[in-house]
N, C-alpha and C. Protein backbone atom coordinates (compact mmCIF):
# COMPACT_ATOMS: atom_id res chain seq x y z
N UNK A 1 35.37 119.33 -24.07
CA UNK A 1 34.88 117.13 -23.67
C UNK A 1 36.88 116.73 -24.33
N UNK A 2 36.93 115.64 -24.12
CA UNK A 2 38.26 115.45 -24.63
C UNK A 2 37.78 114.69 -26.19
N UNK A 3 38.85 114.99 -26.85
CA UNK A 3 39.18 114.31 -28.36
C UNK A 3 39.68 113.42 -28.56
N UNK A 4 39.78 112.51 -29.21
CA UNK A 4 40.73 111.67 -30.29
C UNK A 4 41.16 111.64 -30.92
N UNK A 5 42.65 112.18 -31.25
CA UNK A 5 42.90 111.56 -32.89
C UNK A 5 43.08 110.27 -33.09
N UNK A 6 42.36 109.92 -34.01
CA UNK A 6 42.69 108.32 -34.38
C UNK A 6 42.60 108.30 -35.59
N UNK A 7 43.37 107.14 -35.97
CA UNK A 7 44.27 106.93 -36.91
C UNK A 7 43.69 105.16 -37.41
N UNK A 8 42.73 105.27 -38.79
CA UNK A 8 41.89 103.83 -39.23
C UNK A 8 43.10 102.69 -38.66
N UNK A 9 42.64 101.38 -38.12
CA UNK A 9 43.44 100.43 -38.41
C UNK A 9 44.31 100.71 -37.18
N UNK A 10 44.46 101.06 -36.36
CA UNK A 10 45.48 101.16 -35.24
C UNK A 10 45.57 101.12 -33.71
N UNK A 11 46.18 101.49 -32.83
CA UNK A 11 46.84 101.06 -31.46
C UNK A 11 44.90 102.61 -31.31
N UNK A 12 44.55 103.26 -32.00
CA UNK A 12 43.99 104.21 -31.25
C UNK A 12 42.38 103.60 -30.81
N UNK A 13 42.01 102.06 -31.79
CA UNK A 13 40.75 102.00 -31.47
C UNK A 13 40.42 101.27 -30.29
N UNK A 14 41.64 101.21 -29.35
CA UNK A 14 41.79 100.54 -28.10
C UNK A 14 41.13 102.21 -27.40
N UNK A 15 41.63 103.02 -27.77
CA UNK A 15 41.02 104.30 -26.41
C UNK A 15 39.32 104.54 -26.81
N UNK A 16 38.89 104.24 -28.21
CA UNK A 16 37.64 104.59 -28.50
C UNK A 16 36.73 103.53 -27.71
N UNK A 17 37.55 102.01 -27.42
CA UNK A 17 37.11 101.42 -26.35
C UNK A 17 36.99 101.83 -25.41
N UNK A 18 38.12 101.91 -24.45
CA UNK A 18 37.92 102.16 -23.41
C UNK A 18 36.95 103.00 -22.73
N UNK A 19 36.69 104.64 -23.68
CA UNK A 19 35.76 105.83 -23.91
C UNK A 19 34.45 104.90 -23.57
N UNK A 20 34.51 104.31 -24.30
CA UNK A 20 33.16 103.09 -24.54
C UNK A 20 32.94 103.32 -22.93
N UNK A 21 33.31 101.93 -22.81
CA UNK A 21 33.49 101.20 -21.10
C UNK A 21 32.97 102.18 -20.53
N UNK A 22 33.61 102.85 -20.33
CA UNK A 22 33.66 103.68 -19.24
C UNK A 22 32.42 105.17 -19.49
N UNK A 23 31.49 104.65 -20.72
CA UNK A 23 30.65 105.52 -20.45
C UNK A 23 31.38 107.53 -20.85
N UNK A 24 32.60 108.13 -21.94
CA UNK A 24 32.72 108.77 -21.11
C UNK A 24 32.64 110.11 -22.70
N UNK A 25 31.45 111.23 -22.31
CA UNK A 25 31.52 111.85 -24.13
C UNK A 25 33.61 111.98 -24.60
N UNK A 26 33.09 111.74 -26.21
CA UNK A 26 34.65 112.21 -26.81
C UNK A 26 34.22 112.89 -28.22
N UNK A 27 34.88 114.17 -28.20
CA UNK A 27 35.16 113.76 -30.21
C UNK A 27 36.02 112.28 -30.37
N UNK A 28 35.79 113.09 -31.93
CA UNK A 28 36.60 111.97 -32.44
C UNK A 28 36.89 112.87 -34.00
N UNK A 29 38.63 113.19 -34.12
CA UNK A 29 39.10 113.73 -35.23
C UNK A 29 39.62 112.37 -36.14
N UNK A 30 38.94 111.91 -36.98
CA UNK A 30 39.58 111.16 -37.98
C UNK A 30 40.95 111.05 -39.10
N UNK A 31 41.47 110.14 -38.90
CA UNK A 31 43.26 110.19 -39.58
C UNK A 31 42.81 108.88 -40.94
N UNK A 32 43.46 109.09 -41.96
CA UNK A 32 43.53 108.09 -42.32
C UNK A 32 45.26 107.72 -42.62
N UNK A 33 45.47 106.82 -43.18
CA UNK A 33 46.69 106.31 -42.87
C UNK A 33 47.07 106.41 -45.09
N UNK A 34 48.32 106.44 -45.67
CA UNK A 34 48.61 107.17 -46.58
C UNK A 34 48.56 105.43 -47.43
N UNK A 35 47.47 105.13 -48.28
CA UNK A 35 47.30 103.66 -49.49
C UNK A 35 48.64 103.70 -49.62
N UNK A 36 49.51 104.39 -49.44
CA UNK A 36 50.97 104.03 -50.36
C UNK A 36 51.76 103.42 -49.55
N UNK A 37 52.62 104.04 -48.23
CA UNK A 37 53.42 103.95 -47.35
C UNK A 37 52.37 102.92 -45.61
N UNK A 38 51.79 102.94 -46.11
CA UNK A 38 50.17 103.42 -44.24
C UNK A 38 51.21 103.86 -43.25
N UNK A 39 51.68 104.39 -44.02
CA UNK A 39 51.71 105.94 -42.63
C UNK A 39 50.89 106.90 -42.36
N UNK A 40 50.74 107.75 -41.35
CA UNK A 40 49.86 108.57 -40.79
C UNK A 40 50.21 109.70 -41.35
N UNK A 41 49.12 110.36 -41.57
CA UNK A 41 48.82 111.27 -42.49
C UNK A 41 50.14 113.05 -41.51
N UNK A 42 50.75 113.43 -41.91
CA UNK A 42 51.90 114.41 -41.60
C UNK A 42 50.64 115.92 -40.83
N UNK A 43 49.28 115.67 -40.71
CA UNK A 43 48.64 116.79 -40.10
C UNK A 43 49.21 115.94 -38.80
N UNK A 44 48.94 114.69 -38.92
CA UNK A 44 49.62 115.14 -37.15
C UNK A 44 49.96 115.07 -36.63
N UNK A 45 51.37 115.76 -36.99
CA UNK A 45 52.35 116.29 -36.71
C UNK A 45 52.23 117.15 -35.73
N UNK A 46 50.60 118.40 -36.11
CA UNK A 46 50.04 119.61 -35.66
C UNK A 46 49.67 119.22 -34.86
N UNK A 47 49.19 118.00 -34.00
CA UNK A 47 48.83 117.79 -32.79
C UNK A 47 49.80 117.19 -32.24
N UNK A 48 50.44 116.32 -32.20
CA UNK A 48 52.54 115.78 -31.25
C UNK A 48 53.40 115.69 -32.42
N UNK A 49 54.53 116.79 -32.03
CA UNK A 49 55.40 116.39 -33.26
C UNK A 49 56.07 115.64 -33.61
N UNK A 50 55.50 113.99 -32.82
CA UNK A 50 55.62 112.88 -33.86
C UNK A 50 55.18 112.35 -34.89
N UNK A 51 54.25 112.56 -35.11
CA UNK A 51 53.41 112.60 -35.55
C UNK A 51 52.15 111.40 -35.91
N UNK A 52 52.20 111.10 -34.68
CA UNK A 52 51.85 109.57 -34.43
C UNK A 52 50.22 109.16 -33.62
N UNK A 53 49.68 108.27 -33.40
CA UNK A 53 48.40 107.95 -33.08
C UNK A 53 48.73 106.65 -32.23
N UNK A 54 47.35 106.69 -31.37
CA UNK A 54 46.49 107.50 -30.68
C UNK A 54 47.27 108.90 -30.37
N UNK A 55 46.77 109.92 -30.43
CA UNK A 55 46.65 111.18 -29.70
C UNK A 55 45.84 111.30 -28.87
N UNK A 56 45.22 112.01 -27.43
CA UNK A 56 43.76 112.79 -26.89
C UNK A 56 44.75 114.52 -26.86
N UNK A 57 43.17 115.47 -26.44
CA UNK A 57 43.63 116.89 -25.80
C UNK A 57 42.34 116.56 -25.44
N UNK A 58 42.99 116.91 -23.58
CA UNK A 58 41.62 116.69 -22.43
C UNK A 58 41.98 118.06 -22.35
N UNK A 59 41.26 119.03 -22.07
CA UNK A 59 41.68 120.57 -21.64
C UNK A 59 43.27 120.60 -22.47
N UNK A 60 43.88 121.40 -21.14
CA UNK A 60 45.41 121.79 -21.64
C UNK A 60 45.97 120.36 -21.98
N UNK A 61 45.66 119.10 -22.11
CA UNK A 61 46.66 118.22 -21.93
C UNK A 61 46.86 117.66 -23.16
N UNK A 62 48.35 117.47 -23.93
CA UNK A 62 47.88 116.77 -24.70
C UNK A 62 48.55 115.08 -24.56
N UNK A 63 48.10 114.21 -24.61
CA UNK A 63 48.74 113.70 -24.40
C UNK A 63 48.92 112.49 -25.87
N UNK A 64 50.21 111.21 -25.79
CA UNK A 64 50.46 110.74 -27.62
C UNK A 64 50.61 109.26 -26.32
N UNK A 65 50.44 108.07 -26.88
CA UNK A 65 51.58 106.96 -26.44
C UNK A 65 50.23 106.17 -25.80
N UNK A 66 49.58 105.42 -26.39
CA UNK A 66 48.12 104.24 -25.27
C UNK A 66 48.17 104.50 -24.18
N UNK A 67 49.04 103.31 -23.68
CA UNK A 67 49.42 103.31 -22.18
C UNK A 67 48.77 104.30 -21.48
N UNK A 68 49.12 105.69 -21.38
CA UNK A 68 49.55 106.58 -21.06
C UNK A 68 48.15 107.12 -21.12
N UNK A 69 47.70 106.56 -22.00
CA UNK A 69 46.57 107.62 -22.48
C UNK A 69 45.06 106.62 -21.26
N UNK A 70 45.31 105.55 -21.52
CA UNK A 70 44.73 104.21 -20.95
C UNK A 70 44.44 104.83 -19.38
N UNK A 71 45.80 105.01 -18.99
CA UNK A 71 46.31 104.75 -17.24
C UNK A 71 45.51 106.13 -16.58
N UNK A 72 45.98 107.50 -17.58
CA UNK A 72 45.41 108.85 -17.76
C UNK A 72 43.74 108.96 -17.92
N UNK A 73 42.83 108.35 -18.51
CA UNK A 73 41.71 107.95 -18.72
C UNK A 73 41.15 107.06 -17.34
N UNK A 74 41.73 106.14 -17.46
CA UNK A 74 41.12 104.98 -16.12
C UNK A 74 41.06 105.72 -14.50
N UNK A 75 41.96 107.36 -14.84
CA UNK A 75 42.50 108.00 -13.32
C UNK A 75 41.53 108.68 -13.21
N UNK A 76 41.02 109.60 -14.08
CA UNK A 76 40.14 111.21 -14.47
C UNK A 76 38.82 110.61 -14.55
N UNK A 77 38.55 109.23 -14.89
CA UNK A 77 37.08 109.46 -15.51
C UNK A 77 35.94 107.40 -14.98
N UNK A 78 37.64 106.88 -14.30
CA UNK A 78 37.28 105.77 -14.27
C UNK A 78 36.20 105.65 -12.67
N UNK A 79 36.61 106.44 -11.74
CA UNK A 79 36.55 106.18 -10.03
C UNK A 79 35.92 104.78 -10.14
N UNK A 80 37.36 103.98 -10.20
CA UNK A 80 37.14 103.06 -10.02
C UNK A 80 37.41 101.60 -10.42
N UNK A 81 36.22 102.25 -11.77
CA UNK A 81 36.35 101.42 -12.31
C UNK A 81 37.18 100.94 -13.48
N UNK A 82 37.41 99.58 -13.65
CA UNK A 82 38.17 98.75 -14.51
C UNK A 82 39.60 98.65 -14.19
N UNK A 83 39.59 98.66 -12.97
CA UNK A 83 41.77 99.13 -12.23
C UNK A 83 41.54 97.86 -11.14
N UNK A 84 41.78 97.12 -10.58
CA UNK A 84 42.23 96.80 -8.84
C UNK A 84 41.89 97.88 -8.38
N UNK A 85 42.19 97.89 -6.64
CA UNK A 85 42.67 98.79 -5.91
C UNK A 85 45.06 98.64 -5.31
N UNK A 86 43.74 100.56 -5.67
CA UNK A 86 45.57 99.93 -5.71
C UNK A 86 46.43 99.87 -4.51
N UNK A 87 47.49 99.06 -5.05
CA UNK A 87 48.36 98.30 -3.80
C UNK A 87 48.23 96.35 -3.32
N UNK A 88 47.01 96.66 -3.86
CA UNK A 88 46.31 95.09 -4.79
C UNK A 88 46.78 94.23 -5.63
N UNK A 89 47.32 92.61 -5.25
CA UNK A 89 48.40 91.99 -6.15
C UNK A 89 48.13 92.24 -7.29
N UNK A 90 46.50 92.10 -7.33
CA UNK A 90 45.52 92.25 -8.76
C UNK A 90 46.36 93.67 -9.74
N UNK A 91 46.43 94.77 -8.77
CA UNK A 91 46.94 95.91 -9.95
C UNK A 91 48.31 95.93 -9.50
N UNK A 92 49.04 95.39 -9.36
CA UNK A 92 50.40 95.27 -9.85
C UNK A 92 50.48 93.98 -11.40
N UNK A 93 49.71 93.14 -11.42
CA UNK A 93 49.16 92.41 -12.52
C UNK A 93 48.32 93.94 -13.33
N UNK A 94 47.58 94.28 -13.35
CA UNK A 94 47.36 95.72 -14.27
C UNK A 94 48.26 96.39 -14.62
N UNK A 95 49.02 96.42 -13.97
CA UNK A 95 50.34 97.19 -14.43
C UNK A 95 50.92 96.96 -15.31
N UNK A 96 51.18 95.77 -14.98
CA UNK A 96 52.45 94.97 -15.89
C UNK A 96 52.02 94.64 -17.68
N UNK A 97 50.76 94.28 -17.41
CA UNK A 97 49.88 94.24 -18.78
C UNK A 97 49.61 95.10 -19.16
N UNK A 98 49.54 96.06 -18.82
CA UNK A 98 49.45 97.94 -19.47
C UNK A 98 50.51 97.92 -20.01
N UNK A 99 51.73 97.94 -19.64
CA UNK A 99 53.22 98.12 -19.51
C UNK A 99 53.40 97.16 -20.77
N UNK A 100 53.57 95.16 -21.11
CA UNK A 100 54.19 94.66 -22.09
C UNK A 100 53.63 95.08 -22.89
N UNK A 101 51.87 95.23 -23.36
CA UNK A 101 51.93 95.14 -24.60
C UNK A 101 52.04 95.98 -25.33
N UNK A 102 52.70 96.78 -24.93
CA UNK A 102 53.14 97.42 -25.87
C UNK A 102 54.82 97.86 -26.50
N UNK A 103 54.90 97.21 -24.29
CA UNK A 103 56.92 96.88 -24.20
C UNK A 103 57.62 95.65 -24.74
N UNK A 104 56.53 95.04 -24.48
CA UNK A 104 57.17 93.30 -25.12
C UNK A 104 55.93 92.51 -25.82
N UNK A 105 55.22 93.04 -25.81
CA UNK A 105 54.61 92.20 -27.62
C UNK A 105 54.72 92.83 -28.55
N UNK A 106 54.86 94.04 -28.57
CA UNK A 106 53.94 94.31 -30.07
C UNK A 106 55.80 94.85 -30.69
N UNK A 107 57.32 94.53 -29.99
CA UNK A 107 58.10 94.78 -31.06
C UNK A 107 58.08 93.57 -31.41
N UNK A 108 58.34 92.13 -31.76
CA UNK A 108 58.10 90.92 -32.70
C UNK A 108 56.78 91.59 -32.92
N UNK A 109 56.10 91.81 -32.79
CA UNK A 109 54.63 91.55 -33.99
C UNK A 109 55.11 92.45 -35.58
N UNK A 110 55.58 94.00 -35.24
CA UNK A 110 55.57 94.98 -35.87
C UNK A 110 56.78 94.70 -36.84
N UNK A 111 57.91 93.74 -36.27
CA UNK A 111 58.95 92.93 -36.80
C UNK A 111 58.39 91.75 -38.07
N UNK A 112 57.61 91.70 -38.02
CA UNK A 112 56.61 90.60 -38.52
C UNK A 112 56.04 91.36 -39.77
N UNK A 113 55.68 92.47 -39.41
CA UNK A 113 54.72 93.52 -40.36
C UNK A 113 56.12 93.88 -40.89
N UNK A 114 56.69 94.16 -40.82
CA UNK A 114 57.79 94.88 -41.83
C UNK A 114 59.18 94.07 -42.25
N UNK A 115 59.58 92.80 -42.04
CA UNK A 115 59.55 92.25 -42.69
C UNK A 115 58.90 90.87 -43.58
N UNK A 116 57.45 90.84 -43.31
CA UNK A 116 56.48 90.58 -44.26
C UNK A 116 56.97 91.39 -45.49
N UNK A 117 56.89 92.66 -45.11
CA UNK A 117 56.42 93.47 -46.59
C UNK A 117 57.69 94.32 -47.32
N UNK A 118 58.37 94.29 -46.24
CA UNK A 118 59.66 94.14 -47.50
C UNK A 118 60.23 94.48 -48.10
N UNK A 119 60.39 93.09 -48.63
CA UNK A 119 60.16 92.11 -50.06
C UNK A 119 59.65 92.72 -50.94
N UNK A 120 58.61 92.99 -51.71
CA UNK A 120 57.75 93.39 -51.64
C UNK A 120 57.68 95.18 -52.15
N UNK A 121 58.74 95.59 -51.09
CA UNK A 121 59.51 96.83 -51.33
C UNK A 121 60.59 97.30 -51.40
N UNK A 122 60.37 96.34 -52.43
CA UNK A 122 62.65 96.16 -53.26
C UNK A 122 62.44 96.44 -53.73
N UNK A 123 63.50 97.24 -54.62
CA UNK A 123 63.78 97.46 -55.68
C UNK A 123 63.03 95.42 -56.42
N UNK A 124 63.83 95.05 -57.99
CA UNK A 124 62.71 93.97 -58.64
C UNK A 124 64.21 93.15 -57.87
N UNK A 125 65.46 93.71 -59.11
CA UNK A 125 66.42 92.54 -58.88
C UNK A 125 66.34 92.43 -58.06
N UNK A 126 66.59 93.23 -56.40
CA UNK A 126 66.72 92.83 -55.48
C UNK A 126 65.78 92.10 -54.08
N UNK A 127 64.33 91.89 -54.85
CA UNK A 127 63.68 91.15 -54.35
C UNK A 127 63.41 89.60 -54.03
N UNK A 128 64.09 89.16 -54.79
CA UNK A 128 63.95 87.76 -54.54
C UNK A 128 65.05 87.10 -53.21
N UNK A 129 66.11 88.23 -53.39
CA UNK A 129 67.56 88.14 -51.94
C UNK A 129 66.84 88.60 -50.35
N UNK A 130 66.18 90.27 -50.31
CA UNK A 130 65.57 90.50 -49.91
C UNK A 130 65.24 89.71 -49.30
N UNK A 131 64.38 88.74 -49.99
CA UNK A 131 62.55 87.88 -49.27
C UNK A 131 63.18 86.66 -48.56
N UNK A 132 64.76 86.62 -49.07
CA UNK A 132 64.87 85.34 -48.22
C UNK A 132 66.02 85.50 -47.44
N UNK A 133 66.39 86.71 -46.67
CA UNK A 133 66.92 86.62 -46.74
C UNK A 133 65.88 87.60 -45.09
N UNK A 134 65.00 88.20 -44.91
CA UNK A 134 63.57 88.38 -44.54
C UNK A 134 62.83 87.05 -43.69
N UNK A 135 63.09 85.87 -45.04
CA UNK A 135 62.41 85.10 -44.77
C UNK A 135 62.69 83.67 -43.52
N UNK A 136 64.64 84.01 -43.60
CA UNK A 136 65.55 83.30 -42.69
C UNK A 136 65.07 83.75 -41.44
N UNK A 137 65.29 85.71 -41.27
CA UNK A 137 65.19 86.11 -39.58
C UNK A 137 64.25 85.94 -39.10
N UNK A 138 63.12 85.93 -40.41
CA UNK A 138 61.55 85.37 -39.70
C UNK A 138 62.00 84.21 -38.70
N UNK A 139 61.94 83.39 -39.38
CA UNK A 139 62.19 81.75 -39.38
C UNK A 139 62.69 81.17 -38.30
N UNK A 140 63.74 82.42 -38.34
CA UNK A 140 64.90 82.69 -36.94
C UNK A 140 64.34 82.36 -35.63
N UNK A 141 63.94 83.92 -35.48
CA UNK A 141 64.10 84.73 -34.79
C UNK A 141 62.73 85.29 -34.66
N UNK A 142 61.94 85.82 -35.56
CA UNK A 142 60.98 86.57 -35.51
C UNK A 142 59.81 85.36 -35.13
N UNK A 143 59.67 84.53 -35.86
CA UNK A 143 58.54 83.47 -35.94
C UNK A 143 58.70 83.08 -33.75
N UNK A 144 59.24 82.23 -33.61
CA UNK A 144 60.19 81.62 -32.46
C UNK A 144 59.61 82.67 -31.16
N UNK A 145 60.20 84.19 -31.53
CA UNK A 145 59.38 84.32 -30.04
C UNK A 145 58.14 84.86 -29.90
N UNK A 146 57.49 84.84 -31.56
CA UNK A 146 56.03 85.03 -31.44
C UNK A 146 55.46 83.48 -31.24
N UNK A 147 55.91 82.81 -30.58
CA UNK A 147 55.69 81.71 -30.61
C UNK A 147 55.34 82.10 -28.90
N UNK A 148 56.89 82.57 -28.32
CA UNK A 148 56.69 82.27 -27.48
C UNK A 148 55.42 83.62 -26.48
N UNK A 149 55.53 84.20 -26.74
CA UNK A 149 54.31 85.26 -26.76
C UNK A 149 52.64 84.86 -26.36
N UNK A 150 52.23 84.01 -27.28
CA UNK A 150 51.51 83.26 -28.00
C UNK A 150 51.40 82.36 -26.73
N UNK A 151 51.60 81.79 -26.68
CA UNK A 151 52.04 80.51 -25.95
C UNK A 151 52.19 80.91 -24.46
N UNK A 152 52.15 82.43 -23.80
CA UNK A 152 52.08 83.21 -22.57
C UNK A 152 51.69 83.46 -22.51
N UNK A 153 50.73 84.38 -23.35
CA UNK A 153 49.07 84.80 -23.56
C UNK A 153 48.29 83.67 -23.48
N UNK A 154 48.63 82.32 -23.91
CA UNK A 154 47.10 81.07 -23.42
C UNK A 154 47.50 80.42 -22.26
N UNK A 155 48.74 80.68 -21.17
CA UNK A 155 49.13 80.08 -20.51
C UNK A 155 48.56 80.75 -19.41
N UNK A 156 48.21 82.56 -19.57
CA UNK A 156 47.90 83.57 -18.33
C UNK A 156 46.35 83.85 -18.37
N UNK A 157 45.66 83.35 -19.34
CA UNK A 157 44.75 82.99 -19.97
C UNK A 157 43.98 82.30 -18.80
N UNK A 158 44.33 80.59 -19.21
CA UNK A 158 44.27 79.19 -18.36
C UNK A 158 43.94 80.17 -16.77
N UNK A 159 44.81 81.19 -15.98
CA UNK A 159 44.89 81.16 -14.95
C UNK A 159 43.59 81.71 -14.57
N UNK A 160 43.30 82.53 -15.30
CA UNK A 160 42.07 83.70 -14.84
C UNK A 160 41.41 83.72 -16.16
N UNK A 161 40.15 84.29 -16.12
CA UNK A 161 38.63 84.43 -16.44
C UNK A 161 39.92 85.46 -18.00
N UNK A 162 40.57 86.67 -17.43
CA UNK A 162 40.40 88.45 -17.99
C UNK A 162 42.36 87.82 -17.69
N UNK A 163 42.77 89.01 -18.20
CA UNK A 163 44.74 89.62 -18.21
C UNK A 163 45.11 89.58 -16.92
N UNK A 164 44.23 90.59 -15.79
CA UNK A 164 44.57 91.16 -14.17
C UNK A 164 44.11 89.92 -13.70
N UNK A 165 43.20 89.18 -13.85
CA UNK A 165 42.42 88.83 -13.02
C UNK A 165 41.43 88.36 -13.16
N UNK A 166 40.22 88.08 -12.28
CA UNK A 166 38.88 86.53 -12.89
C UNK A 166 38.18 88.60 -13.52
N UNK A 167 38.50 89.79 -13.58
CA UNK A 167 37.41 91.12 -13.33
C UNK A 167 37.61 91.67 -15.61
N UNK A 168 37.18 91.05 -15.79
CA UNK A 168 37.77 92.27 -16.89
C UNK A 168 38.17 93.70 -16.29
N UNK A 169 38.55 94.32 -17.77
CA UNK A 169 40.18 95.48 -17.19
C UNK A 169 40.61 96.40 -18.25
N UNK A 170 40.43 97.70 -17.35
CA UNK A 170 41.65 98.48 -18.72
C UNK A 170 43.15 98.01 -19.58
N UNK A 171 43.65 96.13 -18.22
CA UNK A 171 44.61 95.90 -19.41
C UNK A 171 44.03 94.44 -20.37
N UNK A 172 43.14 94.42 -20.41
CA UNK A 172 42.39 93.94 -21.06
C UNK A 172 42.27 94.69 -22.48
N UNK A 173 41.50 95.87 -22.43
CA UNK A 173 42.14 96.81 -23.31
C UNK A 173 43.13 96.95 -24.49
N UNK A 174 43.78 97.25 -23.33
CA UNK A 174 45.69 97.17 -23.95
C UNK A 174 46.01 95.75 -24.03
N UNK A 175 45.77 94.69 -24.39
CA UNK A 175 46.40 93.28 -25.18
C UNK A 175 44.72 93.05 -25.63
N UNK A 176 44.46 93.66 -26.37
CA UNK A 176 43.92 93.82 -27.34
C UNK A 176 44.23 94.11 -29.02
N UNK A 177 44.76 94.73 -29.42
CA UNK A 177 45.87 94.44 -30.16
C UNK A 177 46.83 94.32 -30.51
N UNK A 178 47.77 93.91 -29.92
CA UNK A 178 48.80 92.44 -29.56
C UNK A 178 47.89 91.24 -30.15
N UNK A 179 47.17 91.04 -28.59
CA UNK A 179 46.45 89.40 -29.37
C UNK A 179 46.10 90.28 -30.42
N UNK A 180 45.11 90.80 -31.02
CA UNK A 180 44.05 90.97 -32.67
C UNK A 180 45.36 90.81 -33.80
N UNK A 181 45.97 91.71 -33.56
CA UNK A 181 47.60 91.41 -34.18
C UNK A 181 48.04 90.34 -34.69
N UNK A 182 48.20 89.81 -33.46
CA UNK A 182 49.15 88.25 -33.36
C UNK A 182 47.99 87.11 -33.96
N UNK A 183 47.10 87.29 -33.65
CA UNK A 183 45.47 86.10 -34.17
C UNK A 183 45.95 86.29 -36.04
N UNK A 184 45.63 87.67 -36.58
CA UNK A 184 46.44 88.46 -37.49
C UNK A 184 47.14 87.90 -38.56
N UNK A 185 48.37 88.17 -37.83
CA UNK A 185 49.56 87.65 -38.44
C UNK A 185 50.29 86.68 -38.12
N UNK A 186 50.61 86.24 -37.37
CA UNK A 186 50.66 85.30 -36.65
C UNK A 186 49.99 84.29 -36.52
N UNK A 187 48.66 83.71 -36.81
CA UNK A 187 47.77 82.05 -35.76
C UNK A 187 48.06 82.45 -34.56
N UNK A 188 48.70 83.63 -32.97
CA UNK A 188 48.55 83.63 -31.80
C UNK A 188 46.42 82.58 -31.78
N UNK A 189 45.89 82.56 -32.01
CA UNK A 189 44.82 81.68 -31.49
C UNK A 189 44.63 80.37 -32.57
N UNK A 190 45.76 79.59 -32.89
CA UNK A 190 44.73 78.66 -33.60
C UNK A 190 45.93 77.84 -32.68
N UNK A 191 44.92 76.95 -32.53
CA UNK A 191 45.56 75.57 -30.84
C UNK A 191 45.44 76.42 -29.95
N UNK A 192 44.95 77.38 -29.35
CA UNK A 192 45.13 78.72 -28.92
C UNK A 192 43.79 78.59 -28.08
N UNK A 193 42.87 77.42 -27.48
CA UNK A 193 41.70 78.13 -27.14
C UNK A 193 41.39 79.14 -25.82
N UNK A 194 42.13 79.52 -25.09
CA UNK A 194 41.88 80.55 -24.04
C UNK A 194 41.65 81.66 -25.46
N UNK A 195 43.52 81.81 -25.78
CA UNK A 195 43.07 83.42 -26.85
C UNK A 195 42.11 84.12 -27.55
N UNK A 196 41.72 82.30 -28.13
CA UNK A 196 40.58 82.49 -29.34
C UNK A 196 39.27 83.21 -27.99
N UNK A 197 39.09 82.26 -27.14
CA UNK A 197 38.23 82.47 -26.69
C UNK A 197 38.54 84.73 -25.86
N UNK A 198 39.87 84.45 -25.23
CA UNK A 198 39.65 85.99 -25.37
C UNK A 198 38.87 86.95 -26.46
N UNK A 199 39.20 86.90 -27.40
CA UNK A 199 39.00 87.42 -28.87
C UNK A 199 38.22 87.03 -28.78
N UNK A 200 36.80 86.59 -28.30
CA UNK A 200 35.21 86.24 -28.97
C UNK A 200 34.44 86.84 -28.05
N UNK A 201 35.53 86.41 -27.13
CA UNK A 201 34.40 87.81 -25.30
C UNK A 201 34.30 89.66 -25.72
N UNK A 202 36.31 89.56 -25.93
CA UNK A 202 35.95 91.47 -26.39
C UNK A 202 35.06 91.42 -27.45
N UNK A 203 35.14 90.65 -28.56
CA UNK A 203 34.33 91.76 -29.79
C UNK A 203 33.06 91.37 -29.29
N UNK A 204 32.37 90.70 -28.31
CA UNK A 204 30.75 90.75 -28.70
C UNK A 204 30.31 91.48 -26.69
N UNK A 205 31.37 92.42 -26.93
CA UNK A 205 31.23 93.51 -25.48
C UNK A 205 30.38 94.44 -26.93
N UNK A 206 29.17 94.77 -26.24
CA UNK A 206 28.65 96.13 -26.32
C UNK A 206 29.12 97.20 -27.00
N UNK A 207 30.43 97.82 -25.32
CA UNK A 207 31.49 99.21 -25.42
C UNK A 207 31.74 98.96 -27.26
N UNK A 208 32.56 97.71 -26.89
CA UNK A 208 33.39 97.06 -28.41
C UNK A 208 32.99 98.04 -29.45
N UNK A 209 31.44 96.86 -29.94
CA UNK A 209 31.37 97.39 -31.03
C UNK A 209 30.86 98.95 -30.65
N UNK A 210 30.16 99.09 -30.39
CA UNK A 210 30.01 101.08 -30.21
C UNK A 210 31.17 101.56 -30.95
N UNK A 211 32.50 101.05 -30.32
CA UNK A 211 33.42 101.21 -30.94
C UNK A 211 34.36 101.64 -32.31
N UNK A 212 33.87 100.79 -32.84
CA UNK A 212 34.09 100.04 -34.15
C UNK A 212 33.00 101.11 -34.78
N UNK A 213 31.50 101.25 -34.68
CA UNK A 213 31.02 102.14 -35.15
C UNK A 213 31.37 103.67 -35.72
N UNK A 214 32.00 104.25 -34.32
CA UNK A 214 32.44 105.52 -34.17
C UNK A 214 33.42 105.78 -35.42
N UNK A 215 34.29 104.96 -34.58
CA UNK A 215 35.83 104.53 -35.69
C UNK A 215 36.21 104.65 -37.24
N UNK A 216 35.00 103.49 -37.62
CA UNK A 216 34.95 103.75 -38.39
C UNK A 216 36.11 101.73 -38.97
N UNK A 217 35.88 101.58 -40.15
CA UNK A 217 36.66 99.93 -40.40
C UNK A 217 37.99 99.64 -39.39
N UNK A 218 37.87 98.33 -38.68
CA UNK A 218 39.26 98.32 -37.91
C UNK A 218 39.41 96.68 -38.39
N UNK A 219 40.13 96.73 -39.52
CA UNK A 219 40.59 95.41 -39.60
C UNK A 219 41.41 94.33 -38.82
N UNK A 220 41.47 94.09 -38.22
CA UNK A 220 41.59 93.99 -37.07
C UNK A 220 40.10 92.90 -36.14
N UNK A 221 39.24 93.20 -36.67
CA UNK A 221 37.67 92.68 -35.69
C UNK A 221 37.33 92.15 -36.48
């Protein structure tokens, strides 16, 4: 049976959701972040050398990286579901969003998280200076980048009901985490009705709710 190494409040929630959508049997090994550092626990390195989540174990295959995992699950268990036909225009759009989610959307969101947290983790005497520098970097670079991405999501979701077209697909599962994180950290849904509607629709899906029940508390829902 497929096993998901699941970290709380992480990208691995998408993997549970995808498996629930496809009704694939799976087991979960739960891992908890360090309360002080928010990093994954060291025992994950016994599963994969980088010690990151998600990681799935499917027979002899040990596979990290959410996009690669989503691709594997859809190909192995999807039976044509949650992906447009190979060779179609919709498939190229689907593939794009699968890669865009981590390759383009997440880096500025991660920078926002790091820049916001860094002053509070700095020595007390330097906290004010580091806070000023981080604040300037956010205002001058990170926040404009995020706005560009958020506006892009709104425009794309105004073209079709879902990211890859008019049918819900695994591309929407992949995009759920950056959109949820963007709404939580940067106000992505504020004044963007299509982004807000996307979040409402995914959160209402029965498979999404089942994944939350199995995965445990998830801050972005």
